[in-house]
Amino acid sequence: MSDPQFTETQQFRSGGINFIYAFLLALIGLMLYGDYRQVFSGAASTHKSVPDGALIGLTLFLIVIVVLFYSTKLVTVINTEGVFYRWGPFKTSLTKFAWADIATAEVKKFDFPGWGVRYTGDGTMHNIKGNTGLHITLKTGDKLIFGTQKPDELAAALKQYKTKA
């Protein structure tokens, strides 16, 4: 891959989502305290409402979910070769759409369908936040949308590289 003209990395780390992280971290703290009290401290309890293994398993599951959600990122790259993307940490290599395979590519607003990968009437959407993105129609007829927080920079990169392709 040649030097990228446009690169954007988006993560689930903005205003409102930070409250969710704070809540989940507080919940994990309470669960770790409960794990310690029930399993490791030997503190007398009148009853165990949850088996030890289930309590530890649930705590570990929640920790893994929070870490995965926090580390998830959408990387979008545009250069002379085409448009690339990947969802980290789930995929390490970039998926490429060569300019020769792209019928249309434009930056425009869309109806907000949510976060992550969504299958909409406008195509497969890859979005972290917002309602503006790169709309691509492939020559096969498949449609893709990649959310962006840098619409002006993205539009400039499209203008520059679509004409060179």
N, C-alpha and C. Protein backbone atom coordinates (compact mmCIF):
# COMPACT_ATOMS: atom_id res chain seq x y z
N MET A 1 0.86 -1.18 0.00
CA MET A 1 0.00 0.00 0.00
C MET A 1 0.90 1.23 0.00
N SER A 2 0.57 2.20 -0.83
CA SER A 2 1.36 3.43 -0.89
C SER A 2 1.04 4.32 0.30
N ASP A 3 1.79 5.41 0.42
CA ASP A 3 1.55 6.33 1.53
C ASP A 3 0.12 6.84 1.50
N PRO A 4 -0.58 6.78 2.61
CA PRO A 4 -1.98 7.20 2.61
C PRO A 4 -2.14 8.71 2.50
N GLN A 5 -3.11 9.11 1.72
CA GLN A 5 -3.48 10.52 1.62
C GLN A 5 -4.39 10.88 2.79
N PHE A 6 -5.32 10.00 3.05
CA PHE A 6 -6.30 10.25 4.11
C PHE A 6 -6.34 9.02 5.01
N THR A 7 -6.17 9.24 6.29
CA THR A 7 -6.29 8.16 7.27
C THR A 7 -7.12 8.67 8.44
N GLU A 8 -8.09 7.89 8.84
CA GLU A 8 -8.91 8.25 9.99
C GLU A 8 -9.09 7.02 10.87
N THR A 9 -8.84 7.21 12.15
CA THR A 9 -9.06 6.16 13.14
C THR A 9 -10.10 6.67 14.11
N GLN A 10 -11.20 5.92 14.22
CA GLN A 10 -12.28 6.30 15.13
C GLN A 10 -12.44 5.22 16.18
N GLN A 11 -12.71 5.65 17.42
CA GLN A 11 -12.93 4.72 18.52
C GLN A 11 -14.15 5.13 19.32
N PHE A 12 -14.66 4.19 20.08
CA PHE A 12 -15.81 4.45 20.95
C PHE A 12 -15.32 5.17 22.21
N ARG A 13 -14.99 6.45 22.09
CA ARG A 13 -14.47 7.20 23.22
C ARG A 13 -14.90 8.65 23.15
N SER A 14 -16.15 8.89 23.22
CA SER A 14 -16.63 10.27 23.20
C SER A 14 -17.57 10.50 24.37
N GLY A 15 -17.98 11.74 24.55
CA GLY A 15 -18.80 12.19 25.67
C GLY A 15 -19.69 11.16 26.33
N GLY A 16 -20.80 10.82 25.72
CA GLY A 16 -21.79 9.96 26.33
C GLY A 16 -21.30 8.55 26.61
N ILE A 17 -20.44 8.04 25.76
CA ILE A 17 -19.97 6.67 25.94
C ILE A 17 -19.08 6.56 27.18
N ASN A 18 -18.44 7.66 27.57
CA ASN A 18 -17.58 7.62 28.75
C ASN A 18 -18.40 7.37 30.03
N PHE A 19 -19.66 7.79 30.05
CA PHE A 19 -20.53 7.49 31.19
C PHE A 19 -20.80 5.99 31.26
N ILE A 20 -20.95 5.37 30.10
CA ILE A 20 -21.17 3.92 30.07
C ILE A 20 -19.92 3.20 30.59
N TYR A 21 -18.73 3.66 30.14
CA TYR A 21 -17.49 3.06 30.66
C TYR A 21 -17.40 3.22 32.17
N ALA A 22 -17.70 4.41 32.69
CA ALA A 22 -17.63 4.66 34.13
C ALA A 22 -18.58 3.72 34.88
N PHE A 23 -19.80 3.56 34.36
CA PHE A 23 -20.77 2.66 34.99
C PHE A 23 -20.27 1.22 34.98
N LEU A 24 -19.75 0.78 33.82
CA LEU A 24 -19.28 -0.60 33.72
C LEU A 24 -18.05 -0.85 34.60
N LEU A 25 -17.17 0.13 34.68
CA LEU A 25 -16.01 -0.03 35.56
C LEU A 25 -16.42 -0.08 37.02
N ALA A 26 -17.41 0.73 37.40
CA ALA A 26 -17.93 0.66 38.77
C ALA A 26 -18.57 -0.71 39.04
N LEU A 27 -19.29 -1.22 38.06
CA LEU A 27 -19.92 -2.54 38.19
C LEU A 27 -18.85 -3.63 38.32
N ILE A 28 -17.80 -3.51 37.51
CA ILE A 28 -16.70 -4.48 37.60
C ILE A 28 -16.06 -4.40 38.99
N GLY A 29 -15.87 -3.19 39.51
CA GLY A 29 -15.32 -3.02 40.85
C GLY A 29 -16.17 -3.71 41.91
N LEU A 30 -17.48 -3.53 41.81
CA LEU A 30 -18.39 -4.19 42.76
C LEU A 30 -18.33 -5.71 42.61
N MET A 31 -18.24 -6.17 41.38
CA MET A 31 -18.18 -7.61 41.16
C MET A 31 -16.86 -8.19 41.68
N LEU A 32 -15.76 -7.46 41.48
CA LEU A 32 -14.48 -7.93 42.02
C LEU A 32 -14.52 -7.97 43.55
N TYR A 33 -15.14 -6.98 44.15
CA TYR A 33 -15.30 -6.98 45.61
C TYR A 33 -16.14 -8.19 46.05
N GLY A 34 -17.22 -8.45 45.32
CA GLY A 34 -18.06 -9.61 45.63
C GLY A 34 -17.30 -10.91 45.45
N ASP A 35 -16.49 -10.99 44.38
CA ASP A 35 -15.66 -12.18 44.16
C ASP A 35 -14.72 -12.39 45.35
N TYR A 36 -14.07 -11.32 45.75
CA TYR A 36 -13.13 -11.40 46.86
C TYR A 36 -13.83 -11.86 48.14
N ARG A 37 -14.95 -11.22 48.45
CA ARG A 37 -15.68 -11.54 49.68
C ARG A 37 -16.16 -12.99 49.67
N GLN A 38 -16.72 -13.42 48.55
CA GLN A 38 -17.33 -14.74 48.53
C GLN A 38 -16.30 -15.85 48.34
N VAL A 39 -15.35 -15.64 47.47
CA VAL A 39 -14.47 -16.75 47.07
C VAL A 39 -13.15 -16.75 47.84
N PHE A 40 -12.54 -15.58 47.99
CA PHE A 40 -11.16 -15.56 48.45
C PHE A 40 -10.96 -15.17 49.92
N SER A 41 -11.85 -14.40 50.50
CA SER A 41 -11.59 -13.92 51.86
C SER A 41 -12.01 -14.91 52.94
N GLY A 42 -12.85 -15.84 52.59
CA GLY A 42 -13.32 -16.78 53.59
C GLY A 42 -14.30 -16.17 54.55
N ALA A 43 -14.82 -14.99 54.20
CA ALA A 43 -15.79 -14.32 55.07
C ALA A 43 -17.04 -15.19 55.15
N ALA A 44 -17.56 -15.30 56.36
CA ALA A 44 -18.76 -16.10 56.55
C ALA A 44 -19.94 -15.43 55.88
N SER A 45 -20.72 -16.22 55.19
CA SER A 45 -21.91 -15.71 54.53
C SER A 45 -23.07 -16.62 54.89
N THR A 46 -24.23 -16.02 55.05
CA THR A 46 -25.39 -16.83 55.41
C THR A 46 -25.82 -17.71 54.25
N HIS A 47 -25.58 -17.23 53.03
CA HIS A 47 -25.89 -18.05 51.86
C HIS A 47 -25.10 -17.54 50.65
N LYS A 48 -24.86 -18.41 49.73
CA LYS A 48 -24.22 -18.03 48.48
C LYS A 48 -25.30 -18.05 47.40
N SER A 49 -25.63 -16.87 46.92
CA SER A 49 -26.70 -16.80 45.92
C SER A 49 -26.22 -17.20 44.54
N VAL A 50 -24.90 -17.10 44.30
CA VAL A 50 -24.33 -17.46 42.99
C VAL A 50 -23.14 -18.37 43.24
N PRO A 51 -23.04 -19.47 42.50
CA PRO A 51 -21.87 -20.34 42.67
C PRO A 51 -20.57 -19.58 42.37
N ASP A 52 -19.50 -19.98 43.05
CA ASP A 52 -18.21 -19.28 42.90
C ASP A 52 -17.77 -19.19 41.44
N GLY A 53 -17.81 -20.30 40.73
CA GLY A 53 -17.38 -20.32 39.33
C GLY A 53 -18.19 -19.39 38.45
N ALA A 54 -19.49 -19.33 38.69
CA ALA A 54 -20.35 -18.44 37.89
C ALA A 54 -20.05 -16.98 38.19
N LEU A 55 -19.80 -16.67 39.44
CA LEU A 55 -19.49 -15.29 39.82
C LEU A 55 -18.17 -14.83 39.19
N ILE A 56 -17.16 -15.67 39.26
CA ILE A 56 -15.87 -15.34 38.65
C ILE A 56 -15.99 -15.28 37.13
N GLY A 57 -16.70 -16.23 36.55
CA GLY A 57 -16.90 -16.24 35.09
C GLY A 57 -17.62 -15.00 34.60
N LEU A 58 -18.66 -14.58 35.31
CA LEU A 58 -19.40 -13.38 34.92
C LEU A 58 -18.54 -12.14 35.02
N THR A 59 -17.72 -12.06 36.06
CA THR A 59 -16.82 -10.93 36.22
C THR A 59 -15.81 -10.88 35.07
N LEU A 60 -15.19 -12.01 34.76
CA LEU A 60 -14.22 -12.06 33.66
C LEU A 60 -14.87 -11.75 32.32
N PHE A 61 -16.08 -12.24 32.10
CA PHE A 61 -16.80 -11.96 30.86
C PHE A 61 -17.03 -10.45 30.70
N LEU A 62 -17.46 -9.80 31.76
CA LEU A 62 -17.71 -8.36 31.70
C LEU A 62 -16.41 -7.59 31.44
N ILE A 63 -15.32 -8.01 32.06
CA ILE A 63 -14.03 -7.37 31.83
C ILE A 63 -13.62 -7.50 30.36
N VAL A 64 -13.76 -8.69 29.80
CA VAL A 64 -13.40 -8.91 28.39
C VAL A 64 -14.26 -8.04 27.46
N ILE A 65 -15.55 -7.95 27.72
CA ILE A 65 -16.44 -7.13 26.89
C ILE A 65 -16.04 -5.67 26.94
N VAL A 66 -15.75 -5.15 28.12
CA VAL A 66 -15.35 -3.75 28.26
C VAL A 66 -14.03 -3.49 27.53
N VAL A 67 -13.06 -4.38 27.70
CA VAL A 67 -11.76 -4.21 27.04
C VAL A 67 -11.92 -4.26 25.52
N LEU A 68 -12.70 -5.19 25.00
CA LEU A 68 -12.92 -5.27 23.55
C LEU A 68 -13.62 -4.02 23.02
N PHE A 69 -14.64 -3.58 23.72
CA PHE A 69 -15.39 -2.39 23.29
C PHE A 69 -14.49 -1.16 23.31
N TYR A 70 -13.66 -1.04 24.35
CA TYR A 70 -12.78 0.12 24.49
C TYR A 70 -11.68 0.11 23.42
N SER A 71 -11.21 -1.07 23.03
CA SER A 71 -10.12 -1.16 22.06
C SER A 71 -10.60 -1.24 20.61
N THR A 72 -11.88 -1.34 20.38
CA THR A 72 -12.40 -1.41 19.02
C THR A 72 -12.20 -0.09 18.30
N LYS A 73 -11.73 -0.19 17.05
CA LYS A 73 -11.54 1.02 16.25
C LYS A 73 -11.81 0.73 14.78
N LEU A 74 -12.30 1.75 14.10
CA LEU A 74 -12.52 1.70 12.67
C LEU A 74 -11.45 2.55 12.01
N VAL A 75 -10.63 1.94 11.17
CA VAL A 75 -9.58 2.64 10.45
C VAL A 75 -9.99 2.72 8.98
N THR A 76 -9.98 3.94 8.44
CA THR A 76 -10.30 4.17 7.03
C THR A 76 -9.11 4.85 6.38
N VAL A 77 -8.68 4.33 5.23
CA VAL A 77 -7.54 4.89 4.50
C VAL A 77 -7.96 5.07 3.05
N ILE A 78 -7.59 6.22 2.47
CA ILE A 78 -7.83 6.48 1.05
C ILE A 78 -6.52 6.95 0.44
N ASN A 79 -6.13 6.30 -0.67
CA ASN A 79 -4.92 6.71 -1.37
C ASN A 79 -5.07 6.40 -2.87
N THR A 80 -3.96 6.41 -3.57
CA THR A 80 -4.00 6.20 -5.03
C THR A 80 -4.49 4.82 -5.42
N GLU A 81 -4.37 3.85 -4.52
CA GLU A 81 -4.79 2.49 -4.82
C GLU A 81 -6.30 2.27 -4.64
N GLY A 82 -6.91 3.02 -3.72
CA GLY A 82 -8.33 2.84 -3.47
C GLY A 82 -8.72 3.21 -2.06
N VAL A 83 -9.78 2.56 -1.59
CA VAL A 83 -10.32 2.80 -0.25
C VAL A 83 -10.08 1.52 0.55
N PHE A 84 -9.57 1.70 1.77
CA PHE A 84 -9.26 0.59 2.65
C PHE A 84 -9.95 0.80 3.99
N TYR A 85 -10.26 -0.30 4.67
CA TYR A 85 -10.79 -0.18 6.03
C TYR A 85 -10.47 -1.44 6.82
N ARG A 86 -10.56 -1.30 8.14
CA ARG A 86 -10.47 -2.47 9.03
C ARG A 86 -11.08 -2.13 10.37
N TRP A 87 -11.59 -3.15 11.03
CA TRP A 87 -12.10 -3.03 12.39
C TRP A 87 -11.08 -3.71 13.30
N GLY A 88 -10.37 -2.93 14.09
CA GLY A 88 -9.43 -3.50 15.05
C GLY A 88 -10.14 -3.66 16.38
N PRO A 89 -9.76 -4.54 17.21
CA PRO A 89 -8.68 -5.51 17.12
C PRO A 89 -9.09 -6.81 16.43
N PHE A 90 -10.26 -6.84 15.84
CA PHE A 90 -10.80 -8.08 15.28
C PHE A 90 -10.14 -8.47 13.97
N LYS A 91 -9.66 -7.49 13.23
CA LYS A 91 -9.02 -7.75 11.95
C LYS A 91 -7.74 -6.93 11.88
N THR A 92 -6.63 -7.58 11.55
CA THR A 92 -5.36 -6.86 11.54
C THR A 92 -5.01 -6.28 10.18
N SER A 93 -5.52 -6.87 9.11
CA SER A 93 -5.19 -6.36 7.77
C SER A 93 -6.33 -5.49 7.24
N LEU A 94 -5.98 -4.59 6.34
CA LEU A 94 -6.96 -3.71 5.73
C LEU A 94 -7.68 -4.41 4.59
N THR A 95 -8.98 -4.17 4.47
CA THR A 95 -9.75 -4.66 3.32
C THR A 95 -9.70 -3.58 2.26
N LYS A 96 -9.39 -3.97 1.02
CA LYS A 96 -9.17 -3.01 -0.05
C LYS A 96 -10.32 -3.02 -1.07
N PHE A 97 -10.71 -1.81 -1.47
CA PHE A 97 -11.61 -1.63 -2.60
C PHE A 97 -10.85 -0.76 -3.60
N ALA A 98 -10.36 -1.36 -4.67
CA ALA A 98 -9.57 -0.64 -5.67
C ALA A 98 -10.45 0.35 -6.41
N TRP A 99 -9.83 1.46 -6.85
CA TRP A 99 -10.60 2.47 -7.60
C TRP A 99 -11.25 1.85 -8.83
N ALA A 100 -10.61 0.87 -9.44
CA ALA A 100 -11.17 0.22 -10.63
C ALA A 100 -12.47 -0.52 -10.33
N ASP A 101 -12.68 -0.90 -9.07
CA ASP A 101 -13.88 -1.63 -8.66
C ASP A 101 -14.98 -0.72 -8.13
N ILE A 102 -14.69 0.57 -7.99
CA ILE A 102 -15.64 1.52 -7.39
C ILE A 102 -16.34 2.31 -8.49
N ALA A 103 -17.67 2.23 -8.52
CA ALA A 103 -18.46 2.99 -9.50
C ALA A 103 -18.63 4.44 -9.04
N THR A 104 -19.04 4.63 -7.78
CA THR A 104 -19.21 5.98 -7.23
C THR A 104 -18.69 6.01 -5.80
N ALA A 105 -18.21 7.19 -5.43
CA ALA A 105 -17.75 7.41 -4.05
C ALA A 105 -18.01 8.87 -3.72
N GLU A 106 -18.78 9.12 -2.66
CA GLU A 106 -19.09 10.49 -2.27
C GLU A 106 -19.31 10.57 -0.77
N VAL A 107 -19.09 11.76 -0.24
CA VAL A 107 -19.32 12.02 1.18
C VAL A 107 -20.69 12.67 1.32
N LYS A 108 -21.54 12.07 2.15
CA LYS A 108 -22.85 12.66 2.37
C LYS A 108 -23.42 12.20 3.70
N LYS A 109 -24.49 12.85 4.12
CA LYS A 109 -25.16 12.52 5.38
C LYS A 109 -26.06 11.31 5.19
N PHE A 110 -26.33 10.63 6.30
CA PHE A 110 -27.23 9.48 6.28
C PHE A 110 -28.07 9.50 7.55
N ASP A 111 -29.14 8.72 7.55
CA ASP A 111 -29.95 8.55 8.76
C ASP A 111 -29.15 7.69 9.72
N PHE A 112 -29.04 8.13 10.96
CA PHE A 112 -28.23 7.42 11.95
C PHE A 112 -28.88 6.08 12.31
N PRO A 113 -28.24 4.96 11.93
CA PRO A 113 -28.80 3.66 12.26
C PRO A 113 -28.20 3.02 13.50
N GLY A 114 -27.13 3.60 14.04
CA GLY A 114 -26.49 3.02 15.21
C GLY A 114 -25.00 2.90 15.03
N TRP A 115 -24.38 2.14 15.92
CA TRP A 115 -22.93 1.97 15.92
C TRP A 115 -22.56 0.58 15.43
N GLY A 116 -21.33 0.46 14.94
CA GLY A 116 -20.82 -0.83 14.51
C GLY A 116 -21.13 -1.10 13.05
N VAL A 117 -21.30 -2.36 12.72
CA VAL A 117 -21.62 -2.75 11.34
C VAL A 117 -23.13 -2.96 11.28
N ARG A 118 -23.77 -2.26 10.36
CA ARG A 118 -25.23 -2.34 10.20
C ARG A 118 -25.56 -2.62 8.74
N TYR A 119 -26.59 -3.39 8.53
CA TYR A 119 -27.06 -3.67 7.17
C TYR A 119 -28.33 -2.86 6.97
N THR A 120 -28.23 -1.83 6.12
CA THR A 120 -29.34 -0.91 5.91
C THR A 120 -29.77 -0.97 4.45
N GLY A 121 -30.83 -0.26 4.13
CA GLY A 121 -31.29 -0.16 2.75
C GLY A 121 -30.31 0.57 1.86
N ASP A 122 -29.43 1.38 2.49
CA ASP A 122 -28.41 2.13 1.74
C ASP A 122 -27.11 1.37 1.59
N GLY A 123 -27.02 0.19 2.16
CA GLY A 123 -25.80 -0.61 2.06
C GLY A 123 -25.29 -1.02 3.43
N THR A 124 -24.14 -1.66 3.44
CA THR A 124 -23.52 -2.08 4.68
C THR A 124 -22.80 -0.88 5.29
N MET A 125 -23.20 -0.52 6.50
CA MET A 125 -22.66 0.66 7.15
C MET A 125 -21.67 0.27 8.23
N HIS A 126 -20.54 0.98 8.23
CA HIS A 126 -19.52 0.83 9.25
C HIS A 126 -19.44 2.19 9.94
N ASN A 127 -19.86 2.26 11.21
CA ASN A 127 -20.00 3.56 11.85
C ASN A 127 -19.62 3.50 13.32
N ILE A 128 -18.89 4.53 13.77
CA ILE A 128 -18.58 4.69 15.18
C ILE A 128 -19.51 5.73 15.80
N LYS A 129 -19.66 6.87 15.14
CA LYS A 129 -20.59 7.89 15.62
C LYS A 129 -20.89 8.86 14.49
N GLY A 130 -21.93 9.63 14.67
CA GLY A 130 -22.27 10.66 13.69
C GLY A 130 -23.19 10.19 12.58
N ASN A 131 -23.43 11.10 11.64
CA ASN A 131 -24.36 10.80 10.55
C ASN A 131 -23.81 11.25 9.19
N THR A 132 -22.48 11.29 9.05
CA THR A 132 -21.86 11.63 7.79
C THR A 132 -20.86 10.54 7.45
N GLY A 133 -20.79 10.19 6.17
CA GLY A 133 -19.88 9.12 5.82
C GLY A 133 -19.57 9.05 4.35
N LEU A 134 -18.65 8.18 4.03
CA LEU A 134 -18.26 7.88 2.66
C LEU A 134 -19.20 6.83 2.12
N HIS A 135 -19.96 7.19 1.10
CA HIS A 135 -20.89 6.26 0.44
C HIS A 135 -20.21 5.73 -0.81
N ILE A 136 -20.03 4.42 -0.88
CA ILE A 136 -19.37 3.79 -2.02
C ILE A 136 -20.35 2.83 -2.68
N THR A 137 -20.43 2.91 -3.99
CA THR A 137 -21.16 1.90 -4.76
C THR A 137 -20.13 1.19 -5.63
N LEU A 138 -20.02 -0.11 -5.45
CA LEU A 138 -19.08 -0.89 -6.25
C LEU A 138 -19.70 -1.21 -7.60
N LYS A 139 -18.88 -1.56 -8.56
CA LYS A 139 -19.39 -1.90 -9.89
C LYS A 139 -20.23 -3.16 -9.86
N THR A 140 -20.12 -3.97 -8.80
CA THR A 140 -20.95 -5.16 -8.63
C THR A 140 -22.36 -4.80 -8.15
N GLY A 141 -22.54 -3.51 -7.74
CA GLY A 141 -23.83 -3.07 -7.21
C GLY A 141 -23.87 -3.03 -5.70
N ASP A 142 -22.88 -3.63 -5.04
CA ASP A 142 -22.82 -3.58 -3.58
C ASP A 142 -22.58 -2.15 -3.11
N LYS A 143 -23.20 -1.81 -1.98
CA LYS A 143 -23.06 -0.46 -1.42
C LYS A 143 -22.47 -0.55 -0.02
N LEU A 144 -21.58 0.40 0.27
CA LEU A 144 -20.92 0.46 1.57
C LEU A 144 -20.93 1.90 2.06
N ILE A 145 -20.99 2.06 3.36
CA ILE A 145 -20.92 3.39 3.97
C ILE A 145 -19.92 3.30 5.12
N PHE A 146 -18.99 4.26 5.16
CA PHE A 146 -18.03 4.34 6.24
C PHE A 146 -18.19 5.68 6.93
N GLY A 147 -18.61 5.66 8.19
CA GLY A 147 -18.79 6.89 8.94
C GLY A 147 -17.48 7.64 9.07
N THR A 148 -17.57 8.97 9.15
CA THR A 148 -16.38 9.80 9.30
C THR A 148 -16.65 10.97 10.23
N GLN A 149 -15.60 11.41 10.90
CA GLN A 149 -15.64 12.62 11.70
C GLN A 149 -14.86 13.73 11.01
N LYS A 150 -14.34 13.43 9.82
CA LYS A 150 -13.55 14.39 9.04
C LYS A 150 -14.10 14.50 7.62
N PRO A 151 -15.34 14.94 7.46
CA PRO A 151 -15.94 14.92 6.12
C PRO A 151 -15.24 15.82 5.11
N ASP A 152 -14.74 16.98 5.52
CA ASP A 152 -14.08 17.88 4.57
C ASP A 152 -12.76 17.30 4.07
N GLU A 153 -11.96 16.75 4.98
CA GLU A 153 -10.70 16.13 4.58
C GLU A 153 -10.95 14.91 3.69
N LEU A 154 -11.96 14.14 4.03
CA LEU A 154 -12.31 12.96 3.24
C LEU A 154 -12.75 13.35 1.84
N ALA A 155 -13.58 14.39 1.73
CA ALA A 155 -14.03 14.86 0.41
C ALA A 155 -12.85 15.35 -0.43
N ALA A 156 -11.91 16.04 0.19
CA ALA A 156 -10.73 16.51 -0.53
C ALA A 156 -9.88 15.35 -1.03
N ALA A 157 -9.72 14.32 -0.21
CA ALA A 157 -8.96 13.15 -0.62
C ALA A 157 -9.66 12.41 -1.76
N LEU A 158 -10.97 12.30 -1.69
CA LEU A 158 -11.73 11.67 -2.77
C LEU A 158 -11.55 12.42 -4.07
N LYS A 159 -11.67 13.72 -4.00
CA LYS A 159 -11.53 14.55 -5.20
C LYS A 159 -10.15 14.36 -5.83
N GLN A 160 -9.14 14.32 -4.99
CA GLN A 160 -7.77 14.18 -5.48
C GLN A 160 -7.51 12.80 -6.10
N TYR A 161 -7.96 11.74 -5.43
CA TYR A 161 -7.58 10.41 -5.88
C TYR A 161 -8.56 9.78 -6.86
N LYS A 162 -9.81 10.15 -6.84
CA LYS A 162 -10.75 9.60 -7.83
C LYS A 162 -10.36 10.03 -9.24
N THR A 163 -9.87 11.27 -9.38
CA THR A 163 -9.50 11.76 -10.71
C THR A 163 -8.22 11.14 -11.22
N LYS A 164 -7.33 10.65 -10.31
CA LYS A 164 -6.07 10.01 -10.72
C LYS A 164 -6.27 8.54 -11.06
N ALA A 165 -7.36 7.96 -10.59
CA ALA A 165 -7.56 6.52 -10.78
C ALA A 165 -7.93 6.20 -12.21
